[in-house]
């Protein structure tokens, strides 16, 4: 009787041993199906929340942008065009390396960039033909490392904010002019800011004074001299006519 029970137990154990691989296969299949569902759902969510880069015209330049969750846009790179890059008022971020080594950008216009907060690392590094004044709006709170490095044709750097943004290492442009800040207090704050990199004699208060010599000379030789000659001829003619009438 005991031997019979032992044999029965052995048979049950053998049956369980044979079934165990099948149980493993079933578990693996169930696990794989679950993972597939999770992956598909994640993919659907990603497609719902993300957008592909798309070209948008900003001034003379077409750039690629993507929408952010805040409803503002992020510039991700250069698409086409040459001349002035005018950042629009719905851009919050110029991503790192967006225009690195780009020779098509000649002017950077941030006058309408009221939502811009970040200029990323190397965003304009090596833009050798970027010239004119670089006017940084007060909304900018961060300028990344090497953001304007090797922009040799840049004139003056003008900050609108009293408070300096955070600066990354070697962010500075190589200026032909100087750095301008709004006030004496702002000057000290910028000089004390980490990684600012400019010395006291390179920083001025207010705005750069544009010379009017060229305009004056242009008016003198373009309009002034002809007007003077015309007036002189008129005076001579009237004087001569008066003399002739007196003789008669």
Protein backbone atom coordinates (compact mmCIF):
# COMPACT_ATOMS: atom_id res chain seq x y z
CA UNK A 1 0.00 0.00 0.00
CA UNK A 2 2.84 2.31 0.93
CA UNK A 3 4.73 1.48 -2.29
CA UNK A 4 1.63 2.27 -4.33
CA UNK A 5 1.36 5.73 -2.74
CA UNK A 6 5.04 6.39 -3.42
CA UNK A 7 4.62 5.49 -7.09
CA UNK A 8 1.58 7.81 -7.31
CA UNK A 9 3.57 10.67 -5.82
CA UNK A 10 6.43 10.06 -8.27
CA UNK A 11 4.02 10.17 -11.19
CA UNK A 12 2.63 13.50 -9.95
CA UNK A 13 6.13 14.94 -9.60
CA UNK A 14 7.04 13.81 -13.12
CA UNK A 15 3.87 15.40 -14.48
CA UNK A 16 4.70 18.69 -12.80
CA UNK A 17 8.23 18.56 -14.20
CA UNK A 18 6.91 18.05 -17.71
CA UNK A 19 4.41 20.88 -17.33
CA UNK A 20 6.83 23.42 -15.88
CA UNK A 21 8.42 24.45 -19.26
CA UNK A 22 4.94 24.95 -20.67
CA UNK A 23 4.09 27.13 -17.69
CA UNK A 24 7.24 29.16 -18.34
CA UNK A 25 6.33 29.59 -21.99
CA UNK A 26 2.88 30.76 -21.03
CA UNK A 27 4.28 33.24 -18.55
CA UNK A 28 6.79 34.56 -21.07
CA UNK A 29 4.10 34.97 -23.71
CA UNK A 30 1.89 36.83 -21.26
CA UNK A 31 4.82 39.06 -20.23
CA UNK A 32 5.68 39.82 -23.86
CA UNK A 33 2.07 40.67 -24.70
CA UNK A 34 1.91 43.01 -21.70
CA UNK A 35 5.15 44.74 -22.74
CA UNK A 36 3.81 45.12 -26.29
CA UNK A 37 0.66 46.85 -25.02
CA UNK A 38 2.70 49.20 -22.80
CA UNK A 39 5.05 50.06 -25.67
CA UNK A 40 2.19 50.74 -28.07
CA UNK A 41 0.49 52.96 -25.52
CA UNK A 42 3.70 54.89 -24.86
CA UNK A 43 4.19 55.36 -28.59
CA UNK A 44 0.68 56.70 -28.94
CA UNK A 45 1.24 59.13 -26.08
CA UNK A 46 4.53 60.33 -27.57
CA UNK A 47 2.88 60.92 -30.92
CA UNK A 48 0.11 62.84 -29.20
CA UNK A 49 2.33 65.18 -27.17
CA UNK A 50 5.31 65.72 -29.51
CA UNK A 51 5.54 67.52 -32.82
CA UNK A 52 8.07 67.20 -35.60
CA UNK A 53 10.36 70.07 -36.50
CA UNK A 54 8.82 72.37 -39.09
CA UNK A 55 10.31 75.35 -40.98
CA UNK A 56 9.12 78.84 -40.02
CA UNK A 57 10.20 82.15 -41.54
CA UNK A 58 11.75 84.64 -39.13
CA UNK A 59 12.95 87.71 -40.97
CA UNK A 60 15.08 86.59 -43.92
CA UNK A 61 15.86 83.23 -42.32
CA UNK A 62 13.81 80.04 -42.23
CA UNK A 63 14.32 78.04 -39.03
CA UNK A 64 13.09 74.72 -37.70
CA UNK A 65 10.97 74.88 -34.56
CA UNK A 66 9.05 72.61 -32.28
CA UNK A 67 6.14 73.45 -30.01
CA UNK A 68 6.58 73.30 -26.25
CA UNK A 69 3.96 72.27 -23.71
CA UNK A 70 3.62 75.92 -22.67
CA UNK A 71 2.34 76.85 -26.12
CA UNK A 72 5.54 78.73 -26.98
CA UNK A 73 8.06 77.54 -29.54
CA UNK A 74 11.65 76.33 -29.44
CA UNK A 75 14.07 77.02 -32.28
CA UNK A 76 15.96 73.82 -33.07
CA UNK A 77 18.03 74.76 -36.12
CA UNK A 78 18.58 76.51 -39.43
CA UNK A 79 16.57 75.66 -42.53
CA UNK A 80 17.35 78.18 -45.29
CA UNK A 81 17.76 81.85 -46.21
CA UNK A 82 20.36 84.55 -45.71
CA UNK A 83 20.31 87.95 -43.99
CA UNK A 84 18.49 89.11 -40.87
CA UNK A 85 17.23 86.62 -38.29
CA UNK A 86 14.27 88.17 -36.46
CA UNK A 87 13.17 86.11 -33.48
CA UNK A 88 9.38 86.16 -33.07
CA UNK A 89 7.49 86.92 -29.86
CA UNK A 90 6.35 83.33 -29.33
CA UNK A 91 9.85 81.83 -29.12
CA UNK A 92 11.02 80.92 -25.63
CA UNK A 93 14.22 79.05 -26.39
CA UNK A 94 17.00 79.03 -28.99
CA UNK A 95 18.39 75.53 -28.57
CA UNK A 96 22.06 74.74 -28.28
CA UNK A 97 24.01 74.53 -31.58
CA UNK A 98 20.99 75.88 -33.51
CA UNK A 99 23.08 78.15 -35.76
CA UNK A 100 26.62 77.02 -34.99
CA UNK A 101 29.10 77.84 -37.82
CA UNK A 102 26.31 79.39 -39.90
CA UNK A 103 27.54 81.96 -42.42
CA UNK A 104 24.06 82.97 -43.64
CA UNK A 105 23.03 84.99 -40.59
CA UNK A 106 24.15 88.62 -40.95
CA UNK A 107 22.02 90.34 -38.27
CA UNK A 108 20.30 89.09 -35.12
CA UNK A 109 17.11 91.00 -34.28
CA UNK A 110 15.71 90.26 -30.81
CA UNK A 111 13.59 93.41 -30.57
CA UNK A 112 10.33 91.40 -30.71
CA UNK A 113 11.61 88.41 -28.71
CA UNK A 114 9.55 89.26 -25.61
CA UNK A 115 9.14 85.59 -24.58
CA UNK A 116 12.76 84.53 -25.12
CA UNK A 117 14.34 83.20 -21.92
CA UNK A 118 17.19 80.94 -23.07
CA UNK A 119 19.99 81.13 -25.63
CA UNK A 120 21.58 77.69 -25.59
CA UNK A 121 25.16 76.47 -25.66
CA UNK A 122 26.98 77.35 -28.90
CA UNK A 123 23.72 78.71 -30.34
CA UNK A 124 25.58 81.25 -32.52
CA UNK A 125 29.15 80.05 -32.14
CA UNK A 126 31.23 80.61 -35.25
CA UNK A 127 28.69 82.85 -37.02
CA UNK A 128 31.49 84.76 -38.73
CA UNK A 129 29.21 87.16 -40.63
CA UNK A 130 26.94 88.05 -37.70
CA UNK A 131 27.41 91.82 -37.43
CA UNK A 132 25.77 94.86 -35.88
CA UNK A 133 24.70 95.34 -32.27
CA UNK A 134 23.57 92.33 -30.23
CA UNK A 135 20.66 93.61 -28.16
CA UNK A 136 19.65 91.13 -25.43
CA UNK A 137 16.06 91.63 -24.18
CA UNK A 138 15.29 91.71 -20.47
CA UNK A 139 13.34 88.43 -20.74
CA UNK A 140 16.56 86.42 -21.31
CA UNK A 141 17.61 84.68 -18.09
CA UNK A 142 20.22 82.24 -19.43
CA UNK A 143 22.97 82.42 -22.07
CA UNK A 144 24.81 79.15 -22.57
CA UNK A 145 28.51 78.51 -22.89
CA UNK A 146 30.14 79.59 -26.18
CA UNK A 147 26.78 81.02 -27.31
CA UNK A 148 28.38 83.91 -29.24
CA UNK A 149 32.00 82.79 -29.40
CA UNK A 150 33.93 83.68 -32.58
CA UNK A 151 31.34 86.23 -33.75
CA UNK A 152 34.13 88.56 -34.82
CA UNK A 153 31.97 91.13 -36.65
CA UNK A 154 29.65 91.89 -33.72
CA UNK A 155 29.67 95.58 -32.77
CA UNK A 156 28.23 96.34 -29.33
CA UNK A 157 26.52 94.07 -26.81
CA UNK A 158 23.50 95.80 -25.25
CA UNK A 159 21.65 94.37 -22.26
CA UNK A 160 18.15 95.69 -21.50
CA UNK A 161 17.85 94.09 -18.06
CA UNK A 162 19.14 95.46 -14.77
CA UNK A 163 19.75 91.88 -13.67
CA UNK A 164 22.35 89.76 -15.48
CA UNK A 165 21.29 86.36 -16.85
CA UNK A 166 23.27 83.28 -15.93
CA UNK A 167 26.28 82.90 -18.22
CA UNK A 168 27.90 79.68 -19.39
CA UNK A 169 31.66 79.46 -19.78
CA UNK A 170 33.17 81.35 -22.73
CA UNK A 171 29.77 82.59 -23.89
CA UNK A 172 31.13 85.96 -25.00
CA UNK A 173 31.25 87.43 -28.49
CA UNK A 174 34.47 89.06 -29.65
CA UNK A 175 33.21 92.64 -29.82
CA UNK A 176 34.42 95.52 -31.95
CA UNK A 177 32.69 97.87 -29.51
CA UNK A 178 31.71 97.56 -25.86
CA UNK A 179 29.10 96.13 -23.50
CA UNK A 180 26.23 98.45 -22.49
CA UNK A 181 23.98 98.04 -19.44
CA UNK A 182 21.09 100.24 -18.18
CA UNK A 183 22.54 101.68 -14.96
CA UNK A 184 25.45 101.95 -12.54
CA UNK A 185 23.88 99.29 -10.33
CA UNK A 186 23.45 97.00 -13.33
CA UNK A 187 27.10 97.49 -14.29
CA UNK A 188 28.27 96.26 -10.90
CA UNK A 189 25.82 93.34 -10.99
CA UNK A 190 27.08 92.25 -14.41
CA UNK A 191 30.73 92.59 -13.39
CA UNK A 192 30.04 90.41 -10.34
CA UNK A 193 28.17 87.74 -12.33
CA UNK A 194 29.91 84.39 -12.75
CA UNK A 195 31.48 83.85 -16.20
CA UNK A 196 30.63 87.40 -17.37
CA UNK A 197 34.17 87.74 -18.64
CA UNK A 198 34.28 91.46 -19.51
CA UNK A 199 36.35 93.98 -17.57
CA UNK A 200 35.16 97.25 -16.06
CA UNK A 201 36.61 99.39 -18.85
CA UNK A 202 34.70 97.31 -21.42
CA UNK A 203 31.31 98.03 -19.83
CA UNK A 204 29.45 101.32 -20.35
CA UNK A 205 26.19 102.68 -18.97
CA UNK A 206 23.33 103.61 -21.28
CA UNK A 207 23.35 103.19 -25.05
CA UNK A 208 26.11 103.62 -27.62
CA UNK A 209 26.26 107.09 -29.11
CA UNK A 210 26.08 106.83 -32.87
CA UNK A 211 28.18 109.41 -34.71
CA UNK A 212 26.27 111.88 -36.93
CA UNK A 213 29.35 113.06 -38.85
CA UNK A 214 28.52 110.97 -41.89
CA UNK A 215 24.94 112.21 -41.93
CA UNK A 216 26.01 115.86 -41.67
CA UNK A 217 28.55 115.49 -44.45
CA UNK A 218 25.99 113.70 -46.58
CA UNK A 219 23.47 116.47 -46.13
CA UNK A 220 26.10 119.13 -46.76
CA UNK A 221 27.37 117.66 -49.99
CA UNK A 222 24.16 115.98 -51.05
CA UNK A 223 21.69 118.76 -50.35
CA UNK A 224 23.36 121.68 -48.61
CA UNK A 225 25.67 122.90 -51.38
CA UNK A 226 23.01 122.81 -54.15
CA UNK A 227 20.60 124.71 -51.89
CA UNK A 228 23.24 127.32 -51.03
CA UNK A 229 24.06 127.78 -54.71
CA UNK A 230 20.38 128.14 -55.59
CA UNK A 231 19.81 130.74 -52.85
CA UNK A 232 22.94 132.61 -53.90
CA UNK A 233 21.81 132.69 -57.52
CA UNK A 234 18.38 133.95 -56.46
CA UNK A 235 19.87 136.78 -54.41
CA UNK A 236 22.19 137.77 -57.28
CA UNK A 237 19.33 137.75 -59.80
CA UNK A 238 17.03 139.88 -57.60
CA UNK A 239 19.81 142.36 -56.88
CA UNK A 240 20.66 142.68 -60.55
CA UNK A 241 16.99 143.13 -61.47
CA UNK A 242 16.57 145.85 -58.82
CA UNK A 243 19.56 147.75 -60.18
CA UNK A 244 18.19 147.60 -63.72
CA UNK A 245 14.83 148.93 -62.58
CA UNK A 246 16.53 151.80 -60.77
CA UNK A 247 18.36 152.86 -63.93
CA UNK A 248 15.13 152.90 -65.87
